[in-house]
């Protein structure tokens, strides 16, 4: 499904906030996922894994990670911001479901989230 591992409702809300079309954001998330999935082992070695389950792994990466990744993928600032925001909102939703929202919010004060679908 387009936009995985980000839930559909998160994609719709994020697209509205980021001024990208609801049909554009899933494609952007998919583009990022292709790259992220190819580097999953590197993320496991180099970054703190905040969460694993629900068909995804969530990592805390350094600030500026999404700016670099967006440039490498040819995304505009608006597109990159939308994808980053979708990852952040999905992580916070997971935090609410698992009673870890405060922990994740604290992590996001100094780092950026990367969610990688596992296909499970």
N, C-alpha and C. Protein backbone atom coordinates (compact mmCIF):
# COMPACT_ATOMS: atom_id res chain seq x y z
N UNK A 1 0.84 -1.18 0.00
CA UNK A 1 0.00 0.00 0.00
C UNK A 1 0.88 1.24 0.00
N UNK A 2 0.47 2.22 -0.72
CA UNK A 2 1.23 3.46 -0.82
C UNK A 2 1.31 4.17 0.52
N UNK A 3 2.49 4.68 0.81
CA UNK A 3 2.68 5.45 2.02
C UNK A 3 3.08 4.67 3.25
N UNK A 4 3.22 3.37 3.15
CA UNK A 4 3.60 2.59 4.32
C UNK A 4 5.03 2.90 4.71
N UNK A 5 5.35 2.91 5.96
CA UNK A 5 4.59 2.44 7.11
C UNK A 5 3.74 3.51 7.78
N UNK A 6 3.52 4.63 7.12
CA UNK A 6 2.73 5.71 7.69
C UNK A 6 1.25 5.43 7.44
N UNK A 7 0.43 5.54 8.47
CA UNK A 7 -1.00 5.26 8.36
C UNK A 7 -1.69 6.31 7.49
N UNK A 8 -2.76 5.90 6.83
CA UNK A 8 -3.49 6.77 5.93
C UNK A 8 -3.97 8.07 6.55
N UNK A 9 -4.51 8.00 7.76
CA UNK A 9 -5.00 9.21 8.43
C UNK A 9 -3.85 10.18 8.69
N UNK A 10 -2.70 9.66 9.07
CA UNK A 10 -1.52 10.51 9.30
C UNK A 10 -1.11 11.17 7.99
N UNK A 11 -1.15 10.43 6.90
CA UNK A 11 -0.79 10.99 5.60
C UNK A 11 -1.72 12.14 5.22
N UNK A 12 -3.02 11.95 5.43
CA UNK A 12 -3.98 13.00 5.08
C UNK A 12 -3.78 14.26 5.92
N UNK A 13 -3.63 14.10 7.21
CA UNK A 13 -3.43 15.25 8.08
C UNK A 13 -2.12 15.96 7.79
N UNK A 14 -1.08 15.19 7.57
CA UNK A 14 0.23 15.77 7.29
C UNK A 14 0.23 16.50 5.96
N UNK A 15 -0.39 15.94 4.95
CA UNK A 15 -0.45 16.59 3.64
C UNK A 15 -1.14 17.94 3.75
N UNK A 16 -2.21 18.00 4.51
CA UNK A 16 -2.93 19.27 4.67
C UNK A 16 -2.06 20.30 5.37
N UNK A 17 -1.35 19.90 6.41
CA UNK A 17 -0.50 20.83 7.15
C UNK A 17 0.71 21.28 6.34
N UNK A 18 1.22 20.41 5.49
CA UNK A 18 2.45 20.69 4.76
C UNK A 18 2.21 21.29 3.38
N UNK A 19 0.97 21.48 3.02
CA UNK A 19 0.62 22.06 1.72
C UNK A 19 1.14 21.23 0.54
N UNK A 20 1.03 19.91 0.67
CA UNK A 20 1.24 19.02 -0.46
C UNK A 20 -0.06 18.27 -0.67
N UNK A 21 -0.28 17.76 -1.87
CA UNK A 21 -1.55 17.10 -2.13
C UNK A 21 -1.60 15.74 -1.44
N UNK A 22 -2.79 15.33 -1.02
CA UNK A 22 -2.93 14.03 -0.36
C UNK A 22 -2.48 12.86 -1.25
N UNK A 23 -2.54 13.04 -2.57
CA UNK A 23 -2.09 11.97 -3.46
C UNK A 23 -0.58 12.01 -3.65
N UNK A 24 0.04 13.14 -3.43
CA UNK A 24 1.48 13.30 -3.60
C UNK A 24 2.27 12.70 -2.43
N UNK A 25 1.79 12.89 -1.22
CA UNK A 25 2.54 12.48 -0.04
C UNK A 25 2.82 10.97 0.01
N UNK A 26 1.86 10.09 -0.28
CA UNK A 26 2.19 8.66 -0.25
C UNK A 26 3.33 8.30 -1.21
N UNK A 27 3.36 8.94 -2.38
CA UNK A 27 4.45 8.68 -3.33
C UNK A 27 5.79 9.15 -2.77
N UNK A 28 5.78 10.29 -2.10
CA UNK A 28 7.01 10.81 -1.49
C UNK A 28 7.48 9.89 -0.36
N UNK A 29 6.54 9.42 0.45
CA UNK A 29 6.88 8.49 1.53
C UNK A 29 7.44 7.19 0.94
N UNK A 30 6.84 6.72 -0.14
CA UNK A 30 7.34 5.50 -0.80
C UNK A 30 8.75 5.70 -1.33
N UNK A 31 9.02 6.85 -1.92
CA UNK A 31 10.36 7.16 -2.42
C UNK A 31 11.38 7.10 -1.28
N UNK A 32 11.04 7.72 -0.17
CA UNK A 32 11.94 7.70 0.99
C UNK A 32 12.09 6.27 1.52
N UNK A 33 11.00 5.51 1.55
CA UNK A 33 11.06 4.15 2.08
C UNK A 33 11.98 3.25 1.27
N UNK A 34 12.00 3.43 -0.03
CA UNK A 34 12.89 2.62 -0.85
C UNK A 34 14.34 2.81 -0.39
N UNK A 35 14.71 4.05 -0.18
CA UNK A 35 16.08 4.36 0.26
C UNK A 35 16.32 3.88 1.69
N UNK A 36 15.37 4.15 2.57
CA UNK A 36 15.53 3.77 3.97
C UNK A 36 15.61 2.25 4.13
N UNK A 37 14.76 1.53 3.43
CA UNK A 37 14.76 0.07 3.53
C UNK A 37 16.07 -0.52 3.04
N UNK A 38 16.64 0.08 2.00
CA UNK A 38 17.92 -0.39 1.48
C UNK A 38 19.04 -0.21 2.51
N UNK A 39 18.88 0.75 3.40
CA UNK A 39 19.89 1.06 4.42
C UNK A 39 19.50 0.59 5.82
N UNK A 40 18.50 -0.28 5.93
CA UNK A 40 17.99 -0.70 7.23
C UNK A 40 19.09 -1.23 8.15
N UNK A 41 19.97 -2.06 7.64
CA UNK A 41 21.03 -2.62 8.49
C UNK A 41 21.95 -1.52 9.03
N UNK A 42 22.23 -0.51 8.21
CA UNK A 42 23.05 0.60 8.68
C UNK A 42 22.34 1.36 9.79
N UNK A 43 21.06 1.58 9.64
CA UNK A 43 20.30 2.27 10.69
C UNK A 43 20.34 1.44 11.98
N UNK A 44 20.24 0.15 11.87
CA UNK A 44 20.28 -0.72 13.06
C UNK A 44 21.63 -0.62 13.77
N UNK A 45 22.69 -0.49 13.00
CA UNK A 45 24.03 -0.41 13.59
C UNK A 45 24.34 0.97 14.16
N UNK A 46 23.88 2.02 13.49
CA UNK A 46 24.34 3.37 13.82
C UNK A 46 23.40 4.20 14.69
N UNK A 47 22.14 3.83 14.79
CA UNK A 47 21.17 4.68 15.48
C UNK A 47 20.39 3.91 16.55
N UNK A 48 19.89 4.69 17.48
CA UNK A 48 19.05 4.12 18.54
C UNK A 48 17.69 3.73 17.95
N UNK A 49 17.30 2.50 18.20
CA UNK A 49 15.97 2.07 17.77
C UNK A 49 15.00 2.39 18.90
N UNK A 50 14.03 3.23 18.60
CA UNK A 50 13.05 3.64 19.60
C UNK A 50 11.90 2.65 19.72
N UNK A 51 11.61 1.96 18.62
CA UNK A 51 10.43 1.10 18.61
C UNK A 51 10.58 0.07 17.50
N UNK A 52 10.04 -1.13 17.76
CA UNK A 52 9.96 -2.16 16.74
C UNK A 52 8.63 -2.88 16.91
N UNK A 53 7.87 -2.95 15.87
CA UNK A 53 6.57 -3.62 15.88
C UNK A 53 5.65 -3.00 14.86
N UNK A 54 4.46 -3.56 14.71
CA UNK A 54 3.46 -3.02 13.79
C UNK A 54 4.01 -2.86 12.37
N UNK A 55 4.94 -3.72 11.98
CA UNK A 55 5.46 -3.68 10.62
C UNK A 55 6.46 -2.57 10.35
N UNK A 56 7.08 -2.05 11.42
CA UNK A 56 8.07 -0.99 11.22
C UNK A 56 9.09 -0.97 12.34
N UNK A 57 10.18 -0.29 12.07
CA UNK A 57 11.19 0.02 13.07
C UNK A 57 11.34 1.54 13.06
N UNK A 58 11.45 2.13 14.25
CA UNK A 58 11.61 3.58 14.38
C UNK A 58 12.96 3.88 14.99
N UNK A 59 13.69 4.79 14.38
CA UNK A 59 15.02 5.16 14.83
C UNK A 59 15.07 6.66 15.13
N UNK A 60 15.95 7.02 16.05
CA UNK A 60 16.25 8.42 16.35
C UNK A 60 17.57 8.74 15.65
N UNK A 61 17.54 9.71 14.73
CA UNK A 61 18.72 10.08 13.96
C UNK A 61 19.10 11.53 14.26
N UNK A 62 20.28 11.93 13.80
CA UNK A 62 20.75 13.28 14.09
C UNK A 62 19.90 14.33 13.35
N UNK A 63 19.88 15.51 13.94
CA UNK A 63 19.21 16.64 13.32
C UNK A 63 19.89 16.94 11.98
N UNK A 64 19.08 17.17 10.97
CA UNK A 64 19.61 17.43 9.63
C UNK A 64 19.60 16.21 8.74
N UNK A 65 19.29 15.05 9.32
CA UNK A 65 19.27 13.81 8.55
C UNK A 65 18.26 13.90 7.40
N UNK A 66 17.07 14.41 7.70
CA UNK A 66 16.05 14.50 6.66
C UNK A 66 16.41 15.52 5.59
N UNK A 67 17.08 16.60 5.97
CA UNK A 67 17.51 17.58 4.97
C UNK A 67 18.46 16.94 3.97
N UNK A 68 19.40 16.17 4.48
CA UNK A 68 20.36 15.48 3.62
C UNK A 68 19.66 14.45 2.75
N UNK A 69 18.81 13.64 3.36
CA UNK A 69 18.10 12.60 2.62
C UNK A 69 17.19 13.21 1.55
N UNK A 70 16.47 14.27 1.92
CA UNK A 70 15.59 14.92 0.95
C UNK A 70 16.35 15.45 -0.25
N UNK A 71 17.51 16.05 -0.01
CA UNK A 71 18.34 16.55 -1.11
C UNK A 71 18.79 15.40 -2.01
N UNK A 72 19.24 14.31 -1.38
CA UNK A 72 19.69 13.15 -2.15
C UNK A 72 18.56 12.56 -3.00
N UNK A 73 17.34 12.66 -2.52
CA UNK A 73 16.19 12.11 -3.24
C UNK A 73 15.54 13.11 -4.19
N UNK A 74 16.08 14.33 -4.24
CA UNK A 74 15.56 15.34 -5.15
C UNK A 74 14.25 15.96 -4.72
N UNK A 75 13.98 15.95 -3.42
CA UNK A 75 12.74 16.54 -2.90
C UNK A 75 12.92 18.04 -2.66
N UNK A 76 11.83 18.76 -2.86
CA UNK A 76 11.83 20.18 -2.49
C UNK A 76 11.79 20.26 -0.97
N UNK A 77 12.04 21.45 -0.44
CA UNK A 77 11.98 21.63 1.01
C UNK A 77 10.60 21.29 1.55
N UNK A 78 9.57 21.69 0.83
CA UNK A 78 8.19 21.41 1.26
C UNK A 78 7.91 19.91 1.27
N UNK A 79 8.35 19.22 0.22
CA UNK A 79 8.14 17.78 0.14
C UNK A 79 8.89 17.06 1.26
N UNK A 80 10.15 17.42 1.45
CA UNK A 80 10.95 16.80 2.49
C UNK A 80 10.34 17.04 3.86
N UNK A 81 9.90 18.26 4.10
CA UNK A 81 9.27 18.59 5.38
C UNK A 81 8.01 17.75 5.61
N UNK A 82 7.24 17.54 4.57
CA UNK A 82 6.02 16.74 4.69
C UNK A 82 6.34 15.30 5.06
N UNK A 83 7.35 14.72 4.42
CA UNK A 83 7.73 13.34 4.72
C UNK A 83 8.26 13.23 6.14
N UNK A 84 9.11 14.17 6.52
CA UNK A 84 9.65 14.17 7.88
C UNK A 84 8.52 14.31 8.90
N UNK A 85 7.59 15.21 8.65
CA UNK A 85 6.46 15.41 9.56
C UNK A 85 5.61 14.15 9.66
N UNK A 86 5.43 13.45 8.55
CA UNK A 86 4.65 12.20 8.58
C UNK A 86 5.33 11.17 9.48
N UNK A 87 6.64 11.08 9.38
CA UNK A 87 7.37 10.14 10.25
C UNK A 87 7.22 10.54 11.71
N UNK A 88 7.32 11.83 11.98
CA UNK A 88 7.19 12.32 13.35
C UNK A 88 5.79 12.05 13.91
N UNK A 89 4.77 12.36 13.13
CA UNK A 89 3.39 12.15 13.60
C UNK A 89 3.09 10.67 13.81
N UNK A 90 3.63 9.81 12.95
CA UNK A 90 3.41 8.37 13.12
C UNK A 90 4.09 7.88 14.40
N UNK A 91 5.31 8.35 14.66
CA UNK A 91 5.99 7.96 15.89
C UNK A 91 5.21 8.42 17.12
N UNK A 92 4.70 9.63 17.09
CA UNK A 92 3.94 10.14 18.23
C UNK A 92 2.64 9.35 18.42
N UNK A 93 2.02 8.93 17.33
CA UNK A 93 0.82 8.10 17.43
C UNK A 93 1.18 6.76 18.09
N UNK A 94 2.29 6.18 17.70
CA UNK A 94 2.74 4.94 18.33
C UNK A 94 2.98 5.19 19.81
N UNK A 95 3.57 6.33 20.14
CA UNK A 95 3.82 6.68 21.53
C UNK A 95 2.54 6.76 22.34
N UNK A 96 1.49 7.33 21.75
CA UNK A 96 0.20 7.40 22.46
C UNK A 96 -0.37 6.01 22.68
N UNK A 97 -0.23 5.15 21.70
CA UNK A 97 -0.77 3.79 21.80
C UNK A 97 -0.01 2.93 22.81
N UNK A 98 1.26 3.22 22.99
CA UNK A 98 2.11 2.37 23.84
C UNK A 98 2.47 3.05 25.15
N UNK A 99 1.84 4.16 25.43
CA UNK A 99 2.10 4.93 26.65
C UNK A 99 3.56 5.37 26.74
N UNK A 100 4.12 5.76 25.59
CA UNK A 100 5.51 6.23 25.53
C UNK A 100 5.60 7.61 24.86
N UNK A 101 4.48 8.31 24.79
CA UNK A 101 4.45 9.59 24.09
C UNK A 101 5.45 10.59 24.67
N UNK A 102 5.52 10.71 25.99
CA UNK A 102 6.47 11.64 26.61
C UNK A 102 7.91 11.29 26.23
N UNK A 103 8.22 10.01 26.26
CA UNK A 103 9.56 9.55 25.90
C UNK A 103 9.91 9.94 24.46
N UNK A 104 8.98 9.70 23.55
CA UNK A 104 9.22 10.00 22.15
C UNK A 104 9.30 11.52 21.91
N UNK A 105 8.43 12.28 22.58
CA UNK A 105 8.48 13.74 22.44
C UNK A 105 9.83 14.28 22.91
N UNK A 106 10.35 13.74 24.01
CA UNK A 106 11.65 14.16 24.51
C UNK A 106 12.75 13.83 23.50
N UNK A 107 12.70 12.65 22.93
CA UNK A 107 13.69 12.26 21.93
C UNK A 107 13.65 13.19 20.73
N UNK A 108 12.44 13.61 20.34
CA UNK A 108 12.29 14.45 19.15
C UNK A 108 12.72 15.90 19.39
N UNK A 109 12.97 16.26 20.62
CA UNK A 109 13.48 17.61 20.89
C UNK A 109 14.90 17.78 20.38
N UNK A 110 15.65 16.69 20.30
CA UNK A 110 17.05 16.79 19.89
C UNK A 110 17.40 15.91 18.69
N UNK A 111 16.47 15.09 18.26
CA UNK A 111 16.73 14.19 17.13
C UNK A 111 15.53 14.14 16.20
N UNK A 112 15.73 13.51 15.06
CA UNK A 112 14.67 13.36 14.07
C UNK A 112 14.29 11.88 13.98
N UNK A 113 13.03 11.59 13.65
CA UNK A 113 12.61 10.20 13.54
C UNK A 113 12.75 9.66 12.12
N UNK A 114 13.08 8.40 12.02
CA UNK A 114 13.06 7.68 10.76
C UNK A 114 12.33 6.38 11.03
N UNK A 115 11.25 6.15 10.28
CA UNK A 115 10.50 4.90 10.40
C UNK A 115 10.73 4.10 9.13
N UNK A 116 11.08 2.84 9.30
CA UNK A 116 11.34 1.98 8.17
C UNK A 116 10.40 0.79 8.23
N UNK A 117 9.62 0.61 7.18
CA UNK A 117 8.70 -0.53 7.10
C UNK A 117 9.47 -1.83 7.01
N UNK A 118 8.96 -2.84 7.71
CA UNK A 118 9.61 -4.16 7.70
C UNK A 118 8.84 -5.16 6.86
N UNK A 119 7.66 -4.79 6.41
CA UNK A 119 6.87 -5.70 5.58
C UNK A 119 6.25 -6.83 6.35
N UNK A 120 6.22 -6.72 7.67
CA UNK A 120 5.65 -7.78 8.50
C UNK A 120 4.26 -7.44 8.96
